[in-house]
Amino acid sequence: MFNNKTILITGGTGSFGRKFVKTVLDEYRPKKVIIFSRDEMKQFEMAQQFAGQETIRFFIGDVRDKERLMRAFHEVDYVVHAAALKQVPAMEYNPSEAIKTNIVGAMNIIDAAIACKVKKVVALSTDKACNPINLYGATKLCSDKLFVAANSYSGGTGTKFAVVRYGNVVGSRGSVVPFFKEKMKEGPLPITDERMTRFWITLEQGVRFVIKSFERMHGGELFVPKIPSMKITDLAEAIAPHGKTKVVGIRPGEKLHEVMISADDARLTKELSDCYVLQPAFHWWSKTNHAEGKDVADGFSYSSDTNEQWLSIPELQAMIKEN
């Protein structure tokens, strides 16, 4: 699918972007891979990592700047939208900045993609966008709704939009794993609440799922992978066996458990072998799309505390070691 095509990834210097670019270059023969981001230092570092790769282009810009996006999207076939402001406490304190990047930025991506006749756009979401209680989750829910609705007015351009939603990524920048590894040098690991659970996915799994979503999307779907859950206490044990922990309390905007599909969304959800698909509630959506899937039970909810798949401490240790 990506052979001889031009692919652009916003926020491409992040953990996901680097892994996605490496996978695409290793397994496909793209015409160009464009990294669109606002940090020139991170672009310089990434250029060193991929030195000698003639297909990579670096484009400095911000998703808030529609004019710059229009320039970057010229003759682009596929877009992965990974750029976001996502640190929960920082977004609680700087709400207007989160809105500008995560919501207005999404609108700009949509407008530029349609104007430049991009074939397909996949936007990355988060489990915090389902029943959000913090501003980051709320802005990503708005973003998700914008990308789904964008299929209503892409018109004759044929541009298709879909969303991928998944949970915490092992070892990604700003995640709990590097945080715990740093804190274990100082003393007890800070646990917000011993009951806390989270969905868990590796960068490799996330990248593979996004690529597969490009292949099977019709336009308008929200894809949720079937992934395991873990207990925060098990993660602490996996990182620092027999180490001490200290309960510090839940931070503002934080949940005990994360949900990726709410019970209210069950009536629109189909289950496939490796994922769930939330279908859009628009007249243009064909009920024959993803016909191989089956309807989930009424009232179904995909939550980290009621998940059927759980990671053991040895499995967590293996994942951390590999990532």
Protein backbone atom coordinates (compact mmCIF):
# COMPACT_ATOMS: atom_id res chain seq x y z
CA MET A 1 0.00 0.00 0.00
CA PHE A 2 2.81 2.45 0.82
CA ASN A 3 5.06 1.50 -2.11
CA ASN A 4 5.86 4.54 -4.30
CA LYS A 5 3.55 6.68 -2.14
CA THR A 6 4.23 9.80 -0.08
CA ILE A 7 3.44 9.49 3.64
CA LEU A 8 3.40 12.36 6.12
CA ILE A 9 3.33 12.01 9.90
CA THR A 10 2.56 14.95 12.16
CA GLY A 11 4.43 14.87 15.44
CA GLY A 12 6.80 12.53 13.63
CA THR A 13 9.77 13.01 15.96
CA GLY A 14 7.93 11.38 18.89
CA SER A 15 8.24 7.77 20.04
CA PHE A 16 5.45 6.57 17.76
CA GLY A 17 6.71 8.57 14.77
CA ARG A 18 10.23 7.15 14.95
CA LYS A 19 8.95 3.58 15.20
CA PHE A 20 6.42 4.12 12.40
CA VAL A 21 9.04 5.60 10.07
CA LYS A 22 11.49 2.77 10.75
CA THR A 23 8.81 0.14 10.07
CA VAL A 24 7.68 1.80 6.82
CA LEU A 25 11.27 2.15 5.54
CA ASP A 26 12.11 -1.45 6.48
CA GLU A 27 9.04 -3.05 4.90
CA TYR A 28 7.90 -0.77 2.08
CA ARG A 29 9.42 1.32 -0.70
CA PRO A 30 7.79 4.72 -0.18
CA LYS A 31 8.43 7.60 -2.53
CA LYS A 32 8.80 9.99 0.42
CA VAL A 33 8.28 9.96 4.18
CA ILE A 34 7.72 13.48 5.54
CA ILE A 35 8.27 14.30 9.21
CA PHE A 36 6.12 17.29 10.17
CA SER A 37 6.89 18.72 13.62
CA ARG A 38 7.77 21.98 15.34
CA ASP A 39 11.00 21.04 17.18
CA GLU A 40 14.08 21.53 14.99
CA MET A 41 16.39 19.90 17.55
CA LYS A 42 14.37 16.68 17.61
CA GLN A 43 14.32 16.72 13.81
CA PHE A 44 18.11 17.06 13.79
CA GLU A 45 18.47 14.11 16.17
CA MET A 46 16.07 12.01 14.10
CA ALA A 47 17.97 12.89 10.92
CA GLN A 48 21.11 11.48 12.56
CA GLN A 49 19.24 8.29 13.42
CA PHE A 50 18.10 7.84 9.81
CA ALA A 51 21.25 9.15 8.15
CA GLY A 52 21.55 7.91 4.55
CA GLN A 53 17.79 7.44 4.08
CA GLU A 54 17.14 9.50 0.97
CA THR A 55 13.35 9.19 1.12
CA ILE A 56 12.97 11.09 4.43
CA ARG A 57 12.08 14.77 4.42
CA PHE A 58 11.85 17.05 7.46
CA PHE A 59 9.26 19.81 7.54
CA ILE A 60 9.20 22.29 10.43
CA GLY A 61 5.69 23.47 11.21
CA ASP A 62 2.84 23.45 13.71
CA VAL A 63 -0.59 21.87 13.19
CA ARG A 64 -2.04 25.19 14.38
CA ASP A 65 -0.76 26.76 11.14
CA LYS A 66 -3.14 25.75 8.34
CA GLU A 67 -1.14 27.54 5.65
CA ARG A 68 1.97 25.57 6.56
CA LEU A 69 -0.02 22.32 6.54
CA MET A 70 -1.32 23.13 3.05
CA ARG A 71 2.25 23.45 1.86
CA ALA A 72 3.34 20.25 3.60
CA PHE A 73 0.39 18.17 2.31
CA HIS A 74 1.08 18.95 -1.35
CA GLU A 75 1.11 15.64 -3.29
CA VAL A 76 0.88 13.58 -0.07
CA ASP A 77 -1.01 10.27 -0.29
CA TYR A 78 -1.34 9.21 3.36
CA VAL A 79 -1.24 11.14 6.64
CA VAL A 80 -0.77 9.86 10.19
CA HIS A 81 -1.82 12.52 12.68
CA ALA A 82 0.20 11.89 15.84
CA ALA A 83 0.86 15.48 16.95
CA ALA A 84 -0.79 16.44 20.25
CA LEU A 85 -0.31 18.15 23.57
CA LYS A 86 -0.90 15.26 25.97
CA GLN A 87 0.57 15.81 29.43
CA VAL A 88 -2.55 15.76 31.63
CA PRO A 89 -1.42 18.12 34.45
CA ALA A 90 0.05 20.64 31.98
CA MET A 91 -3.14 20.64 29.94
CA GLU A 92 -5.27 21.21 33.04
CA TYR A 93 -3.21 24.33 33.75
CA ASN A 94 -3.00 25.48 30.10
CA PRO A 95 -6.42 24.61 28.63
CA SER A 96 -6.34 27.10 25.78
CA GLU A 97 -3.09 25.63 24.47
CA ALA A 98 -4.57 22.12 24.45
CA ILE A 99 -7.58 23.40 22.51
CA LYS A 100 -5.42 25.17 19.92
CA THR A 101 -3.29 22.11 19.18
CA ASN A 102 -5.64 19.17 19.74
CA ILE A 103 -8.90 20.64 18.40
CA VAL A 104 -8.03 23.53 16.09
CA GLY A 105 -5.04 21.50 14.87
CA ALA A 106 -7.37 18.62 13.98
CA MET A 107 -9.62 20.99 12.02
CA ASN A 108 -6.60 22.29 10.13
CA ILE A 109 -5.44 18.75 9.31
CA ILE A 110 -8.89 17.95 7.92
CA ASP A 111 -9.13 21.11 5.81
CA ALA A 112 -5.61 20.70 4.41
CA ALA A 113 -6.13 17.00 3.64
CA ILE A 114 -9.34 17.64 1.72
CA ALA A 115 -7.89 20.65 -0.13
CA CYS A 116 -4.77 18.69 -1.14
CA LYS A 117 -6.75 15.52 -1.99
CA VAL A 118 -4.89 13.26 0.45
CA LYS A 119 -6.16 9.68 0.03
CA LYS A 120 -6.37 8.58 3.66
CA VAL A 121 -5.80 10.09 7.11
CA VAL A 122 -5.51 8.09 10.34
CA ALA A 123 -5.58 10.11 13.57
CA LEU A 124 -4.22 8.74 16.83
CA SER A 125 -6.53 9.00 19.83
CA THR A 126 -6.29 7.88 23.46
CA ASP A 127 -8.26 5.89 26.01
CA LYS A 128 -8.68 9.18 27.90
CA ALA A 129 -11.03 10.37 25.13
CA CYS A 130 -13.74 7.93 26.25
CA ASN A 131 -15.89 9.45 29.03
CA PRO A 132 -13.21 12.10 29.59
CA ILE A 133 -12.65 13.70 32.99
CA ASN A 134 -9.59 15.77 32.07
CA LEU A 135 -9.08 18.44 29.44
CA TYR A 136 -6.65 16.35 27.39
CA GLY A 137 -9.25 13.59 27.05
CA ALA A 138 -11.96 16.13 26.24
CA THR A 139 -9.90 17.72 23.46
CA LYS A 140 -9.10 14.31 21.99
CA LEU A 141 -12.80 13.35 22.07
CA CYS A 142 -13.52 16.54 20.10
CA SER A 143 -10.72 15.63 17.71
CA ASP A 144 -12.13 12.12 17.23
CA LYS A 145 -15.58 13.52 16.43
CA LEU A 146 -14.08 15.97 13.94
CA PHE A 147 -12.20 13.26 12.04
CA VAL A 148 -15.23 10.95 11.88
CA ALA A 149 -17.51 13.76 10.68
CA ALA A 150 -14.91 14.89 8.13
CA ASN A 151 -15.98 11.98 5.93
CA SER A 152 -19.34 13.76 5.52
CA TYR A 153 -17.85 16.68 3.64
CA SER A 154 -14.74 15.34 1.92
CA GLY A 155 -17.02 15.14 -1.11
CA GLY A 156 -15.56 14.41 -4.52
CA THR A 157 -11.98 14.54 -3.25
CA GLY A 158 -12.37 11.01 -1.94
CA THR A 159 -10.32 11.75 1.18
CA LYS A 160 -11.08 9.22 3.93
CA PHE A 161 -10.56 9.72 7.65
CA ALA A 162 -10.39 7.18 10.49
CA VAL A 163 -9.29 7.15 14.13
CA VAL A 164 -7.22 4.68 16.13
CA ARG A 165 -7.66 4.63 19.92
CA TYR A 166 -5.42 2.66 22.28
CA GLY A 167 -4.00 2.76 25.82
CA ASN A 168 -0.68 3.38 27.53
CA VAL A 169 2.39 2.68 25.39
CA VAL A 170 5.27 0.77 27.01
CA GLY A 171 8.35 2.97 27.32
CA SER A 172 7.08 5.93 25.30
CA ARG A 173 8.35 9.37 26.22
CA GLY A 174 6.56 10.60 29.34
CA SER A 175 5.09 7.19 30.21
CA VAL A 176 5.13 5.58 33.65
CA VAL A 177 7.95 3.11 32.86
CA PRO A 178 10.81 5.64 32.48
CA PHE A 179 9.26 7.60 35.38
CA PHE A 180 9.38 4.55 37.67
CA LYS A 181 12.92 3.68 36.56
CA GLU A 182 14.07 7.17 37.54
CA LYS A 183 12.17 7.19 40.82
CA MET A 184 13.52 3.79 41.95
CA LYS A 185 16.96 5.41 42.27
CA GLU A 186 15.57 7.81 44.88
CA GLY A 187 13.50 5.51 47.07
CA PRO A 188 9.94 4.09 47.16
CA LEU A 189 7.98 4.13 43.91
CA PRO A 190 5.05 6.58 44.04
CA ILE A 191 1.75 4.73 43.45
CA THR A 192 -1.28 6.94 42.97
CA ASP A 193 -3.75 4.20 43.98
CA GLU A 194 -3.15 0.47 44.51
CA ARG A 195 -6.40 -0.39 42.68
CA MET A 196 -5.37 1.38 39.47
CA THR A 197 -5.38 -0.51 36.15
CA ARG A 198 -4.38 0.47 32.64
CA PHE A 199 -4.48 -0.88 29.09
CA TRP A 200 -1.00 -1.76 27.85
CA ILE A 201 0.43 -1.80 24.32
CA THR A 202 3.92 -1.75 22.83
CA LEU A 203 5.09 0.73 20.20
CA GLU A 204 5.48 -2.16 17.77
CA GLN A 205 1.87 -3.23 18.30
CA GLY A 206 0.64 0.34 17.98
CA VAL A 207 2.45 0.90 14.69
CA ARG A 208 1.24 -2.42 13.24
CA PHE A 209 -2.31 -1.61 14.22
CA VAL A 210 -2.20 1.82 12.56
CA ILE A 211 -0.84 0.31 9.33
CA LYS A 212 -3.56 -2.34 9.34
CA SER A 213 -6.17 0.37 9.95
CA PHE A 214 -5.00 2.15 6.79
CA GLU A 215 -5.54 -1.08 4.86
CA ARG A 216 -9.06 -1.87 6.03
CA MET A 217 -10.64 1.52 6.74
CA HIS A 218 -13.70 2.60 4.77
CA GLY A 219 -13.67 6.09 6.31
CA GLY A 220 -15.45 7.05 9.53
CA GLU A 221 -14.39 4.21 11.81
CA LEU A 222 -12.79 4.39 15.23
CA PHE A 223 -10.57 1.32 15.66
CA VAL A 224 -9.78 -0.05 19.14
CA PRO A 225 -7.26 -2.93 19.39
CA LYS A 226 -7.78 -5.86 21.73
CA ILE A 227 -4.93 -5.43 24.18
CA PRO A 228 -4.21 -6.62 27.74
CA SER A 229 -4.58 -4.74 31.00
CA MET A 230 -2.10 -4.47 33.86
CA LYS A 231 -2.24 -3.49 37.52
CA ILE A 232 -0.07 -0.55 38.53
CA THR A 233 1.14 -2.53 41.55
CA ASP A 234 2.26 -5.36 39.24
CA LEU A 235 4.13 -2.86 37.07
CA ALA A 236 5.94 -1.50 40.12
CA GLU A 237 6.89 -5.06 41.11
CA ALA A 238 8.09 -5.81 37.57
CA ILE A 239 10.34 -2.74 37.51
CA ALA A 240 11.62 -2.94 41.10
CA PRO A 241 11.13 -6.50 42.44
CA HIS A 242 10.61 -6.47 46.20
CA GLY A 243 11.05 -2.69 46.18
CA LYS A 244 8.96 -0.39 48.36
CA THR A 245 6.02 1.67 47.16
CA LYS A 246 4.31 4.74 48.53
CA VAL A 247 0.68 5.66 47.88
CA VAL A 248 0.54 9.35 46.95
CA GLY A 249 -3.08 9.73 45.79
CA ILE A 250 -4.72 10.17 42.40
CA ARG A 251 -3.70 13.30 40.50
CA PRO A 252 -6.27 15.80 39.17
CA GLY A 253 -7.84 14.51 35.97
CA GLU A 254 -6.76 10.91 36.56
CA LYS A 255 -9.02 7.82 36.59
CA LEU A 256 -8.76 4.59 38.55
CA HIS A 257 -9.48 2.62 35.38
CA GLU A 258 -9.46 3.60 31.72
CA VAL A 259 -12.28 2.89 29.27
CA MET A 260 -11.86 2.65 25.49
CA ILE A 261 -15.46 1.81 24.58
CA SER A 262 -18.34 2.95 26.78
CA ALA A 263 -21.63 1.11 27.24
CA ASP A 264 -23.34 3.94 25.37
CA ASP A 265 -21.21 3.18 22.30
CA ALA A 266 -22.00 -0.56 22.34
CA ARG A 267 -24.89 -0.27 19.88
CA LEU A 268 -22.48 1.10 17.26
CA THR A 269 -19.64 -1.35 17.94
CA LYS A 270 -18.59 -4.41 15.97
CA GLU A 271 -16.09 -6.99 17.18
CA LEU A 272 -13.42 -8.25 14.78
CA SER A 273 -10.80 -10.90 15.52
CA ASP A 274 -8.15 -8.40 16.66
CA CYS A 275 -10.11 -5.24 17.46
CA TYR A 276 -13.38 -3.43 17.95
CA VAL A 277 -14.79 -0.98 15.41
CA LEU A 278 -16.97 1.93 16.49
CA GLN A 279 -19.12 2.74 13.47
CA PRO A 280 -20.22 6.31 12.70
CA ALA A 281 -23.87 7.20 13.21
CA PHE A 282 -24.21 8.89 9.83
CA HIS A 283 -26.56 8.10 6.94
CA TRP A 284 -23.67 7.61 4.50
CA TRP A 285 -22.20 4.71 6.50
CA SER A 286 -22.91 1.34 4.86
CA LYS A 287 -24.00 -1.44 7.20
CA THR A 288 -22.13 -3.87 4.96
CA ASN A 289 -18.79 -2.36 6.02
CA HIS A 290 -16.85 -4.79 8.24
CA ALA A 291 -19.57 -7.36 7.67
CA GLU A 292 -17.20 -10.02 8.98
CA GLY A 293 -17.54 -8.50 12.44
CA LYS A 294 -20.25 -9.30 14.97
CA ASP A 295 -22.30 -6.91 17.06
CA VAL A 296 -21.22 -6.67 20.70
CA ALA A 297 -23.72 -7.31 23.48
CA ASP A 298 -25.99 -4.49 24.56
CA GLY A 299 -24.32 -2.58 27.40
CA PHE A 300 -20.84 -3.87 26.49
CA SER A 301 -17.98 -1.79 27.87
CA TYR A 302 -14.27 -2.18 27.17
CA SER A 303 -12.63 -1.15 30.44
CA SER A 304 -9.16 -1.84 31.84
CA ASP A 305 -10.55 -3.33 35.08
CA THR A 306 -13.00 -5.77 33.44
CA ASN A 307 -10.73 -6.78 30.55
CA GLU A 308 -10.40 -10.52 29.86
CA GLN A 309 -6.67 -10.24 29.07
CA TRP A 310 -4.19 -9.49 31.88
CA LEU A 311 -0.41 -9.24 31.93
CA SER A 312 1.51 -11.14 34.60
CA ILE A 313 4.59 -9.68 36.30
CA PRO A 314 6.98 -11.84 34.18
CA GLU A 315 5.15 -10.73 31.01
CA LEU A 316 5.45 -7.10 32.05
CA GLN A 317 9.17 -7.56 32.73
CA ALA A 318 9.65 -9.10 29.26
CA MET A 319 7.79 -6.22 27.59
CA ILE A 320 9.79 -3.61 29.48
CA LYS A 321 13.06 -5.31 28.61
CA GLU A 322 12.19 -5.44 24.90
CA ASN A 323 11.06 -1.83 24.81
